[in-house]
Amino acid sequence: MLGGMPTTTELEQMLRDADLRVTRPRLAVLSAVHRHPHADTDSLIRAVRAQLGDVSHQAVYDVLRALTAVGLVRRIQPAESVARYESRVGDNHHHAVCRSCGAIADVDCAVHAVPCLTPSDDHGFVLDEAEVIYWGLCPECQPAQRMEMDRRV
C-alpha cells in the first residue's frame, strides 16, 4: 500500500501477518477504519453494514477489540468523547481535537522519537509512549467562534 486505501489482498495479508483468520467481518471493519479515520463505533457499524448487510453491534465491537489487540487499529478516546479508531499505527503521532465540533486531526510528533516527551520524573517506569492531545478550534469552527465573540462585545 503506497499512500492510499489498501486493497482487499493487502487487508487480508495484514490480518494473516497478525495471526488473525481472514473473515468477512474483519475485512469489512479493517477496511472501514482505513476509509474513515477517527470514526466512532456507530459510524463504523454503519459502514460495515453498508458493505455486508446485517452485522451485529457485538460482532463489530469484537472485531475492533481484536484488531486493536494485535496493533492493526489504534483506539483513541479524547476527554468527554466516545472512542474513535484509526488505522495509522506504529508511528509516534498525536491528535488535535476541536472543542466545538469534535473533529480530530493527526499531528506528527516533533521529535519522532518514542516516547516523544521526556517527563521530569518517570517514577521508575520504562516509558514507551506519550499521548498528547492538542485542544482548540478547527478551521470550520473558528469563524463561528469569532461571530459569537463579536456578538458578546
C-alpha atoms as a PDB file:
ATOM      1  CA  MET A   1       0.000   0.000   0.000  1.00  0.00           C
ATOM      2  CA  LEU A   2       1.661   3.176  -1.149  1.00  0.00           C
ATOM      3  CA  GLY A   3      -0.160   6.084   0.452  1.00  0.00           C
ATOM      4  CA  GLY A   4      -3.732   5.070  -0.279  1.00  0.00           C
ATOM      5  CA  MET A   5      -6.505   2.751   0.707  1.00  0.00           C
ATOM      6  CA  PRO A   6      -5.176  -0.805   0.946  1.00  0.00           C
ATOM      7  CA  THR A   7      -6.564  -3.375  -1.474  1.00  0.00           C
ATOM      8  CA  THR A   8      -8.543  -6.367  -0.251  1.00  0.00           C
ATOM      9  CA  THR A   9      -5.470  -8.521  -0.829  1.00  0.00           C
ATOM     10  CA  GLU A  10      -3.379  -6.162   1.322  1.00  0.00           C
ATOM     11  CA  LEU A  11      -6.026  -6.160   4.081  1.00  0.00           C
ATOM     12  CA  GLU A  12      -6.103  -9.971   4.013  1.00  0.00           C
ATOM     13  CA  GLN A  13      -2.302 -10.053   4.321  1.00  0.00           C
ATOM     14  CA  MET A  14      -2.404  -7.628   7.260  1.00  0.00           C
ATOM     15  CA  LEU A  15      -4.786  -9.986   9.074  1.00  0.00           C
ATOM     16  CA  ARG A  16      -2.643 -13.041   8.282  1.00  0.00           C
ATOM     17  CA  ASP A  17       0.546 -11.262   9.363  1.00  0.00           C
ATOM     18  CA  ALA A  18      -1.168 -10.510  12.690  1.00  0.00           C
ATOM     19  CA  ASP A  19      -2.124 -14.212  13.036  1.00  0.00           C
ATOM     20  CA  LEU A  20      -5.820 -13.432  12.618  1.00  0.00           C
ATOM     21  CA  ARG A  21      -8.069 -15.544  10.466  1.00  0.00           C
ATOM     22  CA  VAL A  22      -9.404 -13.697   7.429  1.00  0.00           C
ATOM     23  CA  THR A  23     -13.171 -13.280   7.794  1.00  0.00           C
ATOM     24  CA  ARG A  24     -15.650 -11.031   6.012  1.00  0.00           C
ATOM     25  CA  PRO A  25     -16.419  -9.007   9.187  1.00  0.00           C
ATOM     26  CA  ARG A  26     -12.713  -8.488   9.941  1.00  0.00           C
ATOM     27  CA  LEU A  27     -12.047  -7.373   6.371  1.00  0.00           C
ATOM     28  CA  ALA A  28     -15.061  -5.053   6.413  1.00  0.00           C
ATOM     29  CA  VAL A  29     -14.141  -3.446   9.755  1.00  0.00           C
ATOM     30  CA  LEU A  30     -10.467  -3.041   8.846  1.00  0.00           C
ATOM     31  CA  SER A  31     -11.448  -1.524   5.511  1.00  0.00           C
ATOM     32  CA  ALA A  32     -13.927   0.843   7.213  1.00  0.00           C
ATOM     33  CA  VAL A  33     -11.284   2.049   9.685  1.00  0.00           C
ATOM     34  CA  HIS A  34      -8.929   2.767   6.769  1.00  0.00           C
ATOM     35  CA  ARG A  35     -11.657   4.625   4.857  1.00  0.00           C
ATOM     36  CA  HIS A  36     -12.901   6.621   7.875  1.00  0.00           C
ATOM     37  CA  PRO A  37     -10.023   7.804  10.089  1.00  0.00           C
ATOM     38  CA  HIS A  38     -11.030   8.693  13.658  1.00  0.00           C
ATOM     39  CA  ALA A  39     -14.509   7.198  13.206  1.00  0.00           C
ATOM     40  CA  ASP A  40     -16.576   6.225  16.212  1.00  0.00           C
ATOM     41  CA  THR A  41     -18.043   2.761  16.623  1.00  0.00           C
ATOM     42  CA  ASP A  42     -21.522   3.703  15.372  1.00  0.00           C
ATOM     43  CA  SER A  43     -20.065   5.165  12.164  1.00  0.00           C
ATOM     44  CA  LEU A  44     -18.001   2.027  11.633  1.00  0.00           C
ATOM     45  CA  ILE A  45     -21.042  -0.195  12.212  1.00  0.00           C
ATOM     46  CA  ARG A  46     -22.947   1.760   9.532  1.00  0.00           C
ATOM     47  CA  ALA A  47     -20.012   1.433   7.106  1.00  0.00           C
ATOM     48  CA  VAL A  48     -19.685  -2.307   7.745  1.00  0.00           C
ATOM     49  CA  ARG A  49     -23.447  -2.852   7.336  1.00  0.00           C
ATOM     50  CA  ALA A  50     -23.388  -0.923   4.061  1.00  0.00           C
ATOM     51  CA  GLN A  51     -20.798  -3.418   2.838  1.00  0.00           C
ATOM     52  CA  LEU A  52     -22.010  -6.691   4.383  1.00  0.00           C
ATOM     53  CA  GLY A  53     -25.638  -6.191   5.295  1.00  0.00           C
ATOM     54  CA  ASP A  54     -26.803  -7.181   8.749  1.00  0.00           C
ATOM     55  CA  VAL A  55     -23.895  -7.400  11.195  1.00  0.00           C
ATOM     56  CA  SER A  56     -24.424  -7.161  14.939  1.00  0.00           C
ATOM     57  CA  HIS A  57     -23.012  -4.376  17.082  1.00  0.00           C
ATOM     58  CA  GLN A  58     -21.286  -7.041  19.163  1.00  0.00           C
ATOM     59  CA  ALA A  59     -19.553  -8.528  16.120  1.00  0.00           C
ATOM     60  CA  VAL A  60     -18.103  -5.125  15.181  1.00  0.00           C
ATOM     61  CA  TYR A  61     -17.048  -4.452  18.803  1.00  0.00           C
ATOM     62  CA  ASP A  62     -15.363  -7.865  18.937  1.00  0.00           C
ATOM     63  CA  VAL A  63     -13.504  -7.265  15.667  1.00  0.00           C
ATOM     64  CA  LEU A  64     -12.382  -3.790  16.788  1.00  0.00           C
ATOM     65  CA  ARG A  65     -11.106  -5.267  20.050  1.00  0.00           C
ATOM     66  CA  ALA A  66      -9.186  -7.995  18.165  1.00  0.00           C
ATOM     67  CA  LEU A  67      -7.723  -5.552  15.622  1.00  0.00           C
ATOM     68  CA  THR A  68      -6.663  -3.187  18.412  1.00  0.00           C
ATOM     69  CA  ALA A  69      -5.103  -6.020  20.437  1.00  0.00           C
ATOM     70  CA  VAL A  70      -2.835  -7.018  17.534  1.00  0.00           C
ATOM     71  CA  GLY A  71      -1.942  -3.440  16.616  1.00  0.00           C
ATOM     72  CA  LEU A  72      -3.737  -3.153  13.280  1.00  0.00           C
ATOM     73  CA  VAL A  73      -6.018  -0.449  14.671  1.00  0.00           C
ATOM     74  CA  ARG A  74      -5.466   2.223  17.306  1.00  0.00           C
ATOM     75  CA  ARG A  75      -8.202   3.245  19.735  1.00  0.00           C
ATOM     76  CA  ILE A  76      -8.181   6.824  20.950  1.00  0.00           C
ATOM     77  CA  GLN A  77     -10.594   8.467  23.356  1.00  0.00           C
ATOM     78  CA  PRO A  78     -10.174  12.189  23.938  1.00  0.00           C
ATOM     79  CA  ALA A  79     -11.741  13.528  27.153  1.00  0.00           C
ATOM     80  CA  GLU A  80     -15.548  13.651  27.059  1.00  0.00           C
ATOM     81  CA  SER A  81     -15.601  11.862  23.700  1.00  0.00           C
ATOM     82  CA  VAL A  82     -16.591   8.403  22.539  1.00  0.00           C
ATOM     83  CA  ALA A  83     -13.849   6.021  21.482  1.00  0.00           C
ATOM     84  CA  ARG A  84     -12.513   6.563  17.978  1.00  0.00           C
ATOM     85  CA  TYR A  85     -10.493   4.214  15.803  1.00  0.00           C
ATOM     86  CA  GLU A  86      -7.747   4.817  13.291  1.00  0.00           C
ATOM     87  CA  SER A  87      -5.549   2.735  11.025  1.00  0.00           C
ATOM     88  CA  ARG A  88      -2.469   4.920  11.464  1.00  0.00           C
ATOM     89  CA  VAL A  89      -0.485   2.746  13.852  1.00  0.00           C
ATOM     90  CA  GLY A  90       3.141   2.102  14.619  1.00  0.00           C
ATOM     91  CA  ASP A  91       4.289   5.683  14.455  1.00  0.00           C
ATOM     92  CA  ASN A  92       4.564   8.347  17.101  1.00  0.00           C
ATOM     93  CA  HIS A  93       1.769  10.785  16.256  1.00  0.00           C
ATOM     94  CA  HIS A  94      -0.681  12.783  18.322  1.00  0.00           C
ATOM     95  CA  HIS A  95      -4.055  14.439  17.770  1.00  0.00           C
ATOM     96  CA  ALA A  96      -5.674  17.862  17.591  1.00  0.00           C
ATOM     97  CA  VAL A  97      -9.324  17.921  18.701  1.00  0.00           C
ATOM     98  CA  CYS A  98     -11.828  20.697  18.036  1.00  0.00           C
ATOM     99  CA  ARG A  99     -13.549  21.851  21.234  1.00  0.00           C
ATOM    100  CA  SER A 100     -16.637  22.838  19.257  1.00  0.00           C
ATOM    101  CA  CYS A 101     -17.430  20.073  16.743  1.00  0.00           C
ATOM    102  CA  GLY A 102     -15.114  17.270  17.929  1.00  0.00           C
ATOM    103  CA  ALA A 103     -13.194  16.979  14.647  1.00  0.00           C
ATOM    104  CA  ILE A 104      -9.880  15.147  15.051  1.00  0.00           C
ATOM    105  CA  ALA A 105      -6.705  15.603  13.014  1.00  0.00           C
ATOM    106  CA  ASP A 106      -3.385  13.767  13.176  1.00  0.00           C
ATOM    107  CA  VAL A 107      -0.369  15.772  14.381  1.00  0.00           C
ATOM    108  CA  ASP A 108       3.075  14.356  13.700  1.00  0.00           C
ATOM    109  CA  CYS A 109       5.450  14.210  16.649  1.00  0.00           C
ATOM    110  CA  ALA A 110       8.044  16.969  16.535  1.00  0.00           C
ATOM    111  CA  VAL A 111      10.949  14.752  17.585  1.00  0.00           C
ATOM    112  CA  HIS A 112       9.926  11.414  16.053  1.00  0.00           C
ATOM    113  CA  ALA A 113      11.477   9.534  18.963  1.00  0.00           C
ATOM    114  CA  VAL A 114       9.461   7.395  21.320  1.00  0.00           C
ATOM    115  CA  PRO A 115       8.118   8.362  23.819  1.00  0.00           C
ATOM    116  CA  CYS A 116       8.318  11.849  22.231  1.00  0.00           C
ATOM    117  CA  LEU A 117       8.318  13.706  25.540  1.00  0.00           C
ATOM    118  CA  THR A 118      10.684  13.280  28.446  1.00  0.00           C
ATOM    119  CA  PRO A 119       8.958  13.550  31.827  1.00  0.00           C
ATOM    120  CA  SER A 120      10.649  15.324  34.697  1.00  0.00           C
ATOM    121  CA  ASP A 121      10.294  12.099  36.745  1.00  0.00           C
ATOM    122  CA  ASP A 122       9.444   8.699  35.248  1.00  0.00           C
ATOM    123  CA  HIS A 123       8.884   7.169  38.729  1.00  0.00           C
ATOM    124  CA  GLY A 124      10.844   4.095  37.665  1.00  0.00           C
ATOM    125  CA  PHE A 125       8.571   3.317  34.715  1.00  0.00           C
ATOM    126  CA  VAL A 126      10.036   2.198  31.397  1.00  0.00           C
ATOM    127  CA  LEU A 127       8.124   4.572  29.149  1.00  0.00           C
ATOM    128  CA  ASP A 128       7.316   3.557  25.581  1.00  0.00           C
ATOM    129  CA  GLU A 129       4.681   6.083  24.534  1.00  0.00           C
ATOM    130  CA  ALA A 130       3.437   9.597  25.230  1.00  0.00           C
ATOM    131  CA  GLU A 131      -0.083  10.552  24.208  1.00  0.00           C
ATOM    132  CA  VAL A 132      -0.599  14.232  23.505  1.00  0.00           C
ATOM    133  CA  ILE A 133      -3.917  15.824  22.620  1.00  0.00           C
ATOM    134  CA  TYR A 134      -3.979  19.400  21.419  1.00  0.00           C
ATOM    135  CA  TRP A 135      -7.303  21.180  22.001  1.00  0.00           C
ATOM    136  CA  GLY A 136      -8.602  24.157  20.046  1.00  0.00           C
ATOM    137  CA  LEU A 137     -10.957  25.123  17.236  1.00  0.00           C
ATOM    138  CA  CYS A 138     -10.834  23.589  13.765  1.00  0.00           C
ATOM    139  CA  PRO A 139     -10.854  25.908  10.717  1.00  0.00           C
ATOM    140  CA  GLU A 140     -14.610  25.393  10.183  1.00  0.00           C
ATOM    141  CA  CYS A 141     -15.493  26.368  13.770  1.00  0.00           C
ATOM    142  CA  GLN A 142     -13.193  29.407  14.037  1.00  0.00           C
ATOM    143  CA  PRO A 143     -15.477  31.825  12.098  1.00  0.00           C
ATOM    144  CA  ALA A 144     -18.482  30.818  14.234  1.00  0.00           C
ATOM    145  CA  GLN A 145     -16.445  31.409  17.408  1.00  0.00           C
ATOM    146  CA  ARG A 146     -15.385  34.849  16.159  1.00  0.00           C
ATOM    147  CA  MET A 147     -19.012  35.756  15.360  1.00  0.00           C
ATOM    148  CA  GLU A 148     -20.085  34.585  18.820  1.00  0.00           C
ATOM    149  CA  MET A 149     -17.375  36.708  20.476  1.00  0.00           C
ATOM    150  CA  ASP A 150     -18.297  39.724  18.316  1.00  0.00           C
ATOM    151  CA  ARG A 151     -21.941  39.427  19.478  1.00  0.00           C
ATOM    152  CA  ARG A 152     -20.829  39.461  23.121  1.00  0.00           C
ATOM    153  CA  VAL A 153     -18.817  42.670  22.721  1.00  0.00           C
END
